């Protein structure tokens, strides 16, 4: 068997050598043609850590953002209840039998206005709070990602120290684990930037309620308590009121009014604020605001039993809707707005802007 194989090899030695050259060339060609693809894969895989970090920072910051929004709700609710009192009017109507017909009518008119004002104030107040904090957190998350990327582009000898030794180095040098870009000024700027949410809850909400208190009576002036109104007409009413309130520059005025007097527009805080106001006044933001308002108006109209009824029957239904509109529980308007696709797309839009 071996002898016959050896004789075959000797007789066909030239053919075997030529075939070997051809096979070797084919293998070399395949390897050379696949090399760019291999390099491309390596290059793509090297970008994955940055992408993963960006996703992680975005997701983690927005999870904490949702809790922050929920924590700020009670202070807004308290202000709306105090400004548009409903409970004391209802109590007076129920427990004061010696009221004249004229006095009762006046109280019913005031109750009607306050019930409507509450719904619109909650819808705008909660929606603007959600938009503002989502935009702020997206801006800060993008800034954090930018700092990481800048640091990685400029490697120093410390970048090559193992993590265990790096922590030891930080403890000896007193750096407290701060990255080169996380200096105290940057941390302070971020805290100042986030304070515009406090401005909105303390100053912006009262100003918003004044706009609501002006818009509602203008739209209700020709509506009598005995008029028959459908849910469609009521939804159109909320749209008209929203149009009156949503003037150009509203969000900036309520959240971060920048008058430019005595302000350093080149400072880090001002750059963050300008980016915030630019995003809040964008067409994308206005579209999302309208979609968030719909959660609250639709929830209020669900409290109404009939498709058509006298306006006087809408008043108690809208008054009773207040606890539902201001709830933070599952399937509440706030919960649905926080997890809506529109608010997520807006947050991603700001993050990438």
Protein backbone atom coordinates (compact mmCIF):
# COMPACT_ATOMS: atom_id res chain seq x y z
CA UNK A 1 0.00 0.00 0.00
CA UNK A 2 2.75 2.44 1.02
CA UNK A 3 4.92 1.34 -1.91
CA UNK A 4 2.19 2.03 -4.43
CA UNK A 5 1.55 5.45 -2.88
CA UNK A 6 5.27 6.26 -3.10
CA UNK A 7 5.39 5.23 -6.78
CA UNK A 8 2.33 7.44 -7.49
CA UNK A 9 4.03 10.43 -5.79
CA UNK A 10 7.23 10.00 -7.84
CA UNK A 11 5.36 9.77 -11.13
CA UNK A 12 3.20 12.88 -10.40
CA UNK A 13 5.68 15.01 -8.46
CA UNK A 14 5.34 18.03 -10.79
CA UNK A 15 1.57 18.05 -10.63
CA UNK A 16 1.58 17.81 -6.84
CA UNK A 17 3.99 20.78 -6.52
CA UNK A 18 1.93 22.91 -8.91
CA UNK A 19 -1.26 22.02 -7.07
CA UNK A 20 0.36 22.93 -3.76
CA UNK A 21 1.33 26.35 -5.11
CA UNK A 22 -2.23 26.97 -6.32
CA UNK A 23 -3.82 25.87 -3.00
CA UNK A 24 -1.33 27.96 -1.03
CA UNK A 25 -2.10 31.03 -3.14
CA UNK A 26 -5.82 30.53 -2.67
CA UNK A 27 -5.40 30.26 1.10
CA UNK A 28 -3.24 33.39 1.16
CA UNK A 29 -5.82 35.28 -0.92
CA UNK A 30 -8.68 34.26 1.37
CA UNK A 31 -6.71 35.28 4.45
CA UNK A 32 -5.70 38.63 2.95
CA UNK A 33 -9.26 39.42 1.81
CA UNK A 34 -10.71 38.58 5.24
CA UNK A 35 -8.16 40.67 7.15
CA UNK A 36 -9.93 44.05 6.68
CA UNK A 37 -13.14 42.49 8.00
CA UNK A 38 -11.28 41.23 11.07
CA UNK A 39 -9.77 44.63 11.66
CA UNK A 40 -13.18 46.22 11.18
CA UNK A 41 -14.66 43.89 13.80
CA UNK A 42 -11.91 44.80 16.25
CA UNK A 43 -12.47 48.48 15.59
CA UNK A 44 -16.22 48.11 16.11
CA UNK A 45 -15.76 46.13 19.29
CA UNK A 46 -13.46 48.82 20.65
CA UNK A 47 -16.37 51.28 20.46
CA UNK A 48 -18.70 49.06 22.46
CA UNK A 49 -17.46 50.13 25.91
CA UNK A 50 -18.28 53.79 25.16
CA UNK A 51 -21.73 52.87 23.86
CA UNK A 52 -22.39 50.63 26.86
CA UNK A 53 -21.26 53.38 29.22
CA UNK A 54 -23.54 55.92 27.55
CA UNK A 55 -26.53 53.57 27.81
CA UNK A 56 -25.74 52.81 31.45
CA UNK A 57 -25.37 56.48 32.43
CA UNK A 58 -28.55 57.45 30.58
CA UNK A 59 -30.66 54.66 32.08
CA UNK A 60 -29.39 55.01 35.65
CA UNK A 61 -29.79 58.79 35.77
CA UNK A 62 -33.34 58.65 34.41
CA UNK A 63 -34.38 56.01 36.95
CA UNK A 64 -33.34 58.38 39.72
CA UNK A 65 -35.01 61.23 37.82
CA UNK A 66 -38.41 59.51 37.99
CA UNK A 67 -38.16 59.28 41.77
CA UNK A 68 -37.14 62.93 42.02
CA UNK A 69 -40.21 63.97 40.04
CA UNK A 70 -42.44 61.92 42.34
CA UNK A 71 -40.84 63.50 45.41
CA UNK A 72 -41.56 67.04 44.15
CA UNK A 73 -45.25 66.41 43.43
CA UNK A 74 -46.64 67.02 46.97
CA UNK A 75 -45.36 70.60 47.13
CA UNK A 76 -47.04 71.42 43.81
CA UNK A 77 -50.30 69.79 44.91
CA UNK A 78 -50.34 71.82 48.13
CA UNK A 79 -49.95 75.08 46.23
CA UNK A 80 -52.71 74.25 43.74
CA UNK A 81 -55.11 73.26 46.53
CA UNK A 82 -54.45 76.51 48.38
CA UNK A 83 -54.75 78.73 45.28
CA UNK A 84 -57.91 77.14 43.90
CA UNK A 85 -59.91 76.18 46.96
CA UNK A 86 -62.72 73.74 46.28
CA UNK A 87 -63.29 71.98 49.58
CA UNK A 88 -64.34 75.06 51.60
CA UNK A 89 -66.81 76.13 48.88
CA UNK A 90 -68.36 72.65 48.81
CA UNK A 91 -68.61 72.65 52.59
CA UNK A 92 -70.29 76.06 52.59
CA UNK A 93 -72.84 74.95 50.00
CA UNK A 94 -73.63 71.80 51.95
CA UNK A 95 -73.66 73.16 55.50
CA UNK A 96 -75.09 76.67 55.15
CA UNK A 97 -78.86 76.31 54.67
CA UNK A 98 -79.64 80.03 54.97
CA UNK A 99 -77.81 80.98 51.78
CA UNK A 100 -79.84 83.00 49.30
CA UNK A 101 -80.29 81.87 45.72
CA UNK A 102 -77.92 84.58 44.56
CA UNK A 103 -75.25 83.54 47.08
CA UNK A 104 -75.56 79.92 46.01
CA UNK A 105 -75.17 80.91 42.38
CA UNK A 106 -72.04 82.93 43.18
CA UNK A 107 -70.55 80.00 45.09
CA UNK A 108 -71.37 77.61 42.24
CA UNK A 109 -69.72 79.93 39.73
CA UNK A 110 -66.59 80.13 41.89
CA UNK A 111 -66.61 76.37 42.38
CA UNK A 112 -66.87 75.89 38.61
CA UNK A 113 -63.85 78.12 37.94
CA UNK A 114 -61.72 76.56 40.70
CA UNK A 115 -62.52 73.00 39.62
CA UNK A 116 -61.47 73.77 36.05
CA UNK A 117 -58.39 75.72 37.19
CA UNK A 118 -57.24 72.79 39.30
CA UNK A 119 -57.32 70.38 36.40
CA UNK A 120 -55.41 72.70 34.07
CA UNK A 121 -52.86 73.66 36.76
CA UNK A 122 -52.13 70.02 37.57
CA UNK A 123 -51.84 69.11 33.89
CA UNK A 124 -49.42 71.94 33.11
CA UNK A 125 -47.55 71.84 36.41
CA UNK A 126 -46.85 68.11 36.37
CA UNK A 127 -46.07 68.05 32.64
CA UNK A 128 -43.61 70.97 32.80
CA UNK A 129 -41.93 69.43 35.86
CA UNK A 130 -41.52 66.15 33.95
CA UNK A 131 -40.16 67.87 30.84
CA UNK A 132 -37.76 70.04 32.85
CA UNK A 133 -36.21 67.32 34.97
CA UNK A 134 -35.97 64.90 32.06
CA UNK A 135 -34.18 67.56 30.00
CA UNK A 136 -31.84 68.49 32.87
CA UNK A 137 -30.88 64.91 33.63
CA UNK A 138 -30.28 64.18 29.95
CA UNK A 139 -28.00 67.22 29.66
CA UNK A 140 -26.01 66.22 32.75
CA UNK A 141 -25.80 62.60 31.59
CA UNK A 142 -24.47 63.71 28.20
CA UNK A 143 -21.96 65.98 29.95
CA UNK A 144 -20.78 63.07 32.10
CA UNK A 145 -20.31 60.88 29.03
CA UNK A 146 -18.39 63.67 27.32
CA UNK A 147 -16.04 63.96 30.29
CA UNK A 148 -15.33 60.21 30.23
CA UNK A 149 -14.63 60.30 26.50
CA UNK A 150 -12.32 63.30 26.79
CA UNK A 151 -10.41 61.66 29.59
CA UNK A 152 -9.96 58.46 27.57
CA UNK A 153 -8.67 60.45 24.57
CA UNK A 154 -5.87 61.89 26.70
CA UNK A 155 -4.33 58.89 28.51
CA UNK A 156 -1.89 59.56 31.33
CA UNK A 157 0.36 57.18 33.20
CA UNK A 158 -2.35 56.82 35.86
CA UNK A 159 -4.66 55.18 33.33
CA UNK A 160 -2.32 52.18 33.25
CA UNK A 161 -2.41 51.60 37.02
CA UNK A 162 -4.59 48.62 38.06
CA UNK A 163 -7.85 49.61 39.75
CA UNK A 164 -6.76 48.23 43.13
CA UNK A 165 -3.54 50.29 43.07
CA UNK A 166 -5.41 53.31 41.70
CA UNK A 167 -7.69 53.40 44.74
CA UNK A 168 -4.61 53.14 46.96
CA UNK A 169 -3.06 56.05 45.08
CA UNK A 170 -6.20 58.14 45.54
CA UNK A 171 -6.24 57.50 49.27
CA UNK A 172 -2.60 58.53 49.63
CA UNK A 173 -2.86 61.62 47.46
CA UNK A 174 -6.19 62.69 48.94
CA UNK A 175 -7.98 62.86 45.60
CA UNK A 176 -11.12 61.21 47.11
CA UNK A 177 -11.72 59.22 43.95
CA UNK A 178 -12.59 62.24 41.83
CA UNK A 179 -11.80 62.00 38.17
CA UNK A 180 -9.62 64.77 36.65
CA UNK A 181 -12.72 66.50 35.29
CA UNK A 182 -14.82 66.21 38.47
CA UNK A 183 -13.38 69.26 40.18
CA UNK A 184 -15.39 71.03 42.90
CA UNK A 185 -16.37 73.83 40.48
CA UNK A 186 -17.99 71.32 38.10
CA UNK A 187 -19.92 69.71 40.97
CA UNK A 188 -21.05 73.15 42.14
CA UNK A 189 -22.17 74.13 38.65
CA UNK A 190 -24.29 71.01 38.39
CA UNK A 191 -25.96 71.70 41.70
CA UNK A 192 -26.73 75.27 40.67
CA UNK A 193 -28.07 74.01 37.35
CA UNK A 194 -30.44 71.59 39.08
CA UNK A 195 -31.78 74.37 41.30
CA UNK A 196 -33.93 75.72 38.47
CA UNK A 197 -36.33 72.88 39.34
CA UNK A 198 -36.65 74.45 42.79
CA UNK A 199 -37.22 77.78 41.08
CA UNK A 200 -40.06 76.24 39.10
CA UNK A 201 -41.72 74.66 42.15
CA UNK A 202 -41.40 77.83 44.27
CA UNK A 203 -41.78 80.65 41.75
CA UNK A 204 -42.85 79.07 38.47
CA UNK A 205 -45.92 77.24 39.81
CA UNK A 206 -47.52 80.37 41.36
CA UNK A 207 -46.90 82.26 38.12
CA UNK A 208 -48.37 79.40 36.09
CA UNK A 209 -51.50 79.44 38.25
CA UNK A 210 -51.96 83.13 37.53
CA UNK A 211 -51.98 82.40 33.80
CA UNK A 212 -54.52 79.62 34.41
CA UNK A 213 -56.69 81.88 36.59
CA UNK A 214 -56.83 84.37 33.74
CA UNK A 215 -57.42 81.91 30.90
CA UNK A 216 -60.20 79.81 32.47
CA UNK A 217 -62.71 82.64 33.14
CA UNK A 218 -62.17 84.01 29.64
CA UNK A 219 -63.18 80.69 28.13
CA UNK A 220 -66.02 80.10 30.62
CA UNK A 221 -67.61 83.54 30.43
CA UNK A 222 -70.31 82.44 27.95
CA UNK A 223 -70.90 79.04 29.54
CA UNK A 224 -73.87 78.80 31.91
CA UNK A 225 -74.26 76.04 34.48
CA UNK A 226 -77.44 74.88 32.75
CA UNK A 227 -75.83 74.56 29.29
CA UNK A 228 -75.65 71.03 27.87
CA UNK A 229 -72.05 70.15 26.98
CA UNK A 230 -70.60 67.02 25.40
CA UNK A 231 -67.26 65.44 26.26
CA UNK A 232 -66.00 66.48 22.83
CA UNK A 233 -66.88 70.11 23.55
CA UNK A 234 -65.17 69.83 26.92
CA UNK A 235 -62.02 68.43 25.31
CA UNK A 236 -62.03 71.33 22.85
CA UNK A 237 -62.37 73.67 25.81
CA UNK A 238 -59.18 72.29 27.39
CA UNK A 239 -57.38 72.67 24.06
CA UNK A 240 -58.39 76.33 23.80
CA UNK A 241 -57.27 77.03 27.35
CA UNK A 242 -53.95 75.29 26.67
CA UNK A 243 -53.48 77.45 23.59
CA UNK A 244 -54.06 80.60 25.67
CA UNK A 245 -51.51 79.53 28.27
CA UNK A 246 -48.82 78.09 25.99
CA UNK A 247 -47.40 81.35 24.72
CA UNK A 248 -43.92 81.42 23.19
CA UNK A 249 -41.28 81.38 25.91
CA UNK A 250 -43.59 80.07 28.66
CA UNK A 251 -41.31 77.24 29.77
CA UNK A 252 -38.23 79.44 29.91
CA UNK A 253 -40.12 82.05 31.92
CA UNK A 254 -41.34 79.50 34.46
CA UNK A 255 -38.18 77.39 34.73
CA UNK A 256 -35.08 79.47 34.00
CA UNK A 257 -35.72 83.10 33.00
CA UNK A 258 -32.51 84.44 31.42
CA UNK A 259 -32.68 88.22 31.15
CA UNK A 260 -28.98 88.61 30.38
CA UNK A 261 -28.44 91.49 32.81
CA UNK A 262 -25.21 91.06 34.72
CA UNK A 263 -24.82 87.45 33.64
CA UNK A 264 -21.69 85.82 32.32
CA UNK A 265 -22.94 83.93 29.26
CA UNK A 266 -19.60 82.12 28.98
CA UNK A 267 -19.85 80.50 32.44
CA UNK A 268 -20.46 76.77 32.73
CA UNK A 269 -23.77 77.26 34.52
CA UNK A 270 -25.06 79.66 31.86
CA UNK A 271 -24.10 77.23 29.09
CA UNK A 272 -26.05 74.49 30.83
CA UNK A 273 -29.05 76.78 31.34
CA UNK A 274 -28.97 77.97 27.73
CA UNK A 275 -28.90 74.38 26.51
CA UNK A 276 -31.85 73.60 28.79
CA UNK A 277 -33.95 76.53 27.58
CA UNK A 278 -33.13 75.78 23.95
CA UNK A 279 -34.40 72.23 24.33
CA UNK A 280 -37.47 73.28 26.34
CA UNK A 281 -38.52 75.78 23.68
CA UNK A 282 -37.92 73.39 20.78
CA UNK A 283 -40.78 72.11 18.64
CA UNK A 284 -40.03 68.63 19.99
CA UNK A 285 -40.66 69.83 23.55
CA UNK A 286 -43.94 71.56 22.65
CA UNK A 287 -45.16 68.40 20.93
CA UNK A 288 -44.32 66.27 23.97
CA UNK A 289 -45.94 68.82 26.32
CA UNK A 290 -49.21 68.52 24.42
CA UNK A 291 -49.07 64.74 24.58
CA UNK A 292 -48.46 64.84 28.34
CA UNK A 293 -51.35 67.25 28.90
CA UNK A 294 -53.65 64.74 27.21
CA UNK A 295 -53.01 62.17 29.96
CA UNK A 296 -54.49 64.54 32.56
CA UNK A 297 -57.40 65.91 30.50
CA UNK A 298 -58.41 62.39 29.43
CA UNK A 299 -58.29 61.15 33.03
CA UNK A 300 -60.52 64.04 34.15
CA UNK A 301 -63.07 63.32 31.41
CA UNK A 302 -63.19 59.64 32.41
CA UNK A 303 -64.76 60.79 35.67
CA UNK A 304 -67.76 62.09 33.71
CA UNK A 305 -70.49 59.48 33.30
CA UNK A 306 -72.51 60.73 30.33
CA UNK A 307 -71.37 61.92 26.91
CA UNK A 308 -73.72 64.89 27.21
CA UNK A 309 -74.94 66.58 30.38
CA UNK A 310 -75.44 70.03 31.94
CA UNK A 311 -72.28 71.90 32.86
CA UNK A 312 -73.33 71.89 36.51
CA UNK A 313 -72.81 68.10 36.59
CA UNK A 314 -69.27 68.42 35.27
CA UNK A 315 -68.24 70.47 38.29
CA UNK A 316 -68.50 67.76 40.99
CA UNK A 317 -67.01 65.18 38.62
CA UNK A 318 -63.99 67.38 37.96
CA UNK A 319 -63.68 68.19 41.66
CA UNK A 320 -63.61 64.48 42.49
CA UNK A 321 -60.97 63.83 39.84
CA UNK A 322 -58.32 65.85 41.70
CA UNK A 323 -56.99 62.92 43.83
CA UNK A 324 -56.70 60.78 40.70
CA UNK A 325 -54.94 63.47 38.68
CA UNK A 326 -52.41 64.12 41.46
CA UNK A 327 -51.76 60.46 42.27
CA UNK A 328 -48.31 58.93 41.74
CA UNK A 329 -49.58 55.35 41.80
CA UNK A 330 -49.46 52.85 38.97
CA UNK A 331 -51.60 53.84 35.96
CA UNK A 332 -51.96 57.43 37.20
CA UNK A 333 -51.53 60.21 34.60
CA UNK A 334 -48.10 61.00 36.07
CA UNK A 335 -47.02 57.35 35.91
CA UNK A 336 -48.24 57.02 32.33
CA UNK A 337 -46.45 60.22 31.28
CA UNK A 338 -43.16 59.17 32.91
CA UNK A 339 -43.16 55.91 30.98
CA UNK A 340 -44.60 57.18 27.72
CA UNK A 341 -42.67 56.74 24.49
CA UNK A 342 -42.90 60.49 23.83
CA UNK A 343 -41.05 61.48 27.00
CA UNK A 344 -38.44 58.78 26.42
CA UNK A 345 -37.81 60.00 22.87
CA UNK A 346 -37.57 63.56 24.15
CA UNK A 347 -34.99 62.54 26.78
CA UNK A 348 -32.93 60.74 24.13
CA UNK A 349 -33.26 63.77 21.83
CA UNK A 350 -31.87 66.09 24.53
CA UNK A 351 -29.15 63.57 25.45
CA UNK A 352 -27.90 63.48 21.85
CA UNK A 353 -28.34 67.20 21.12
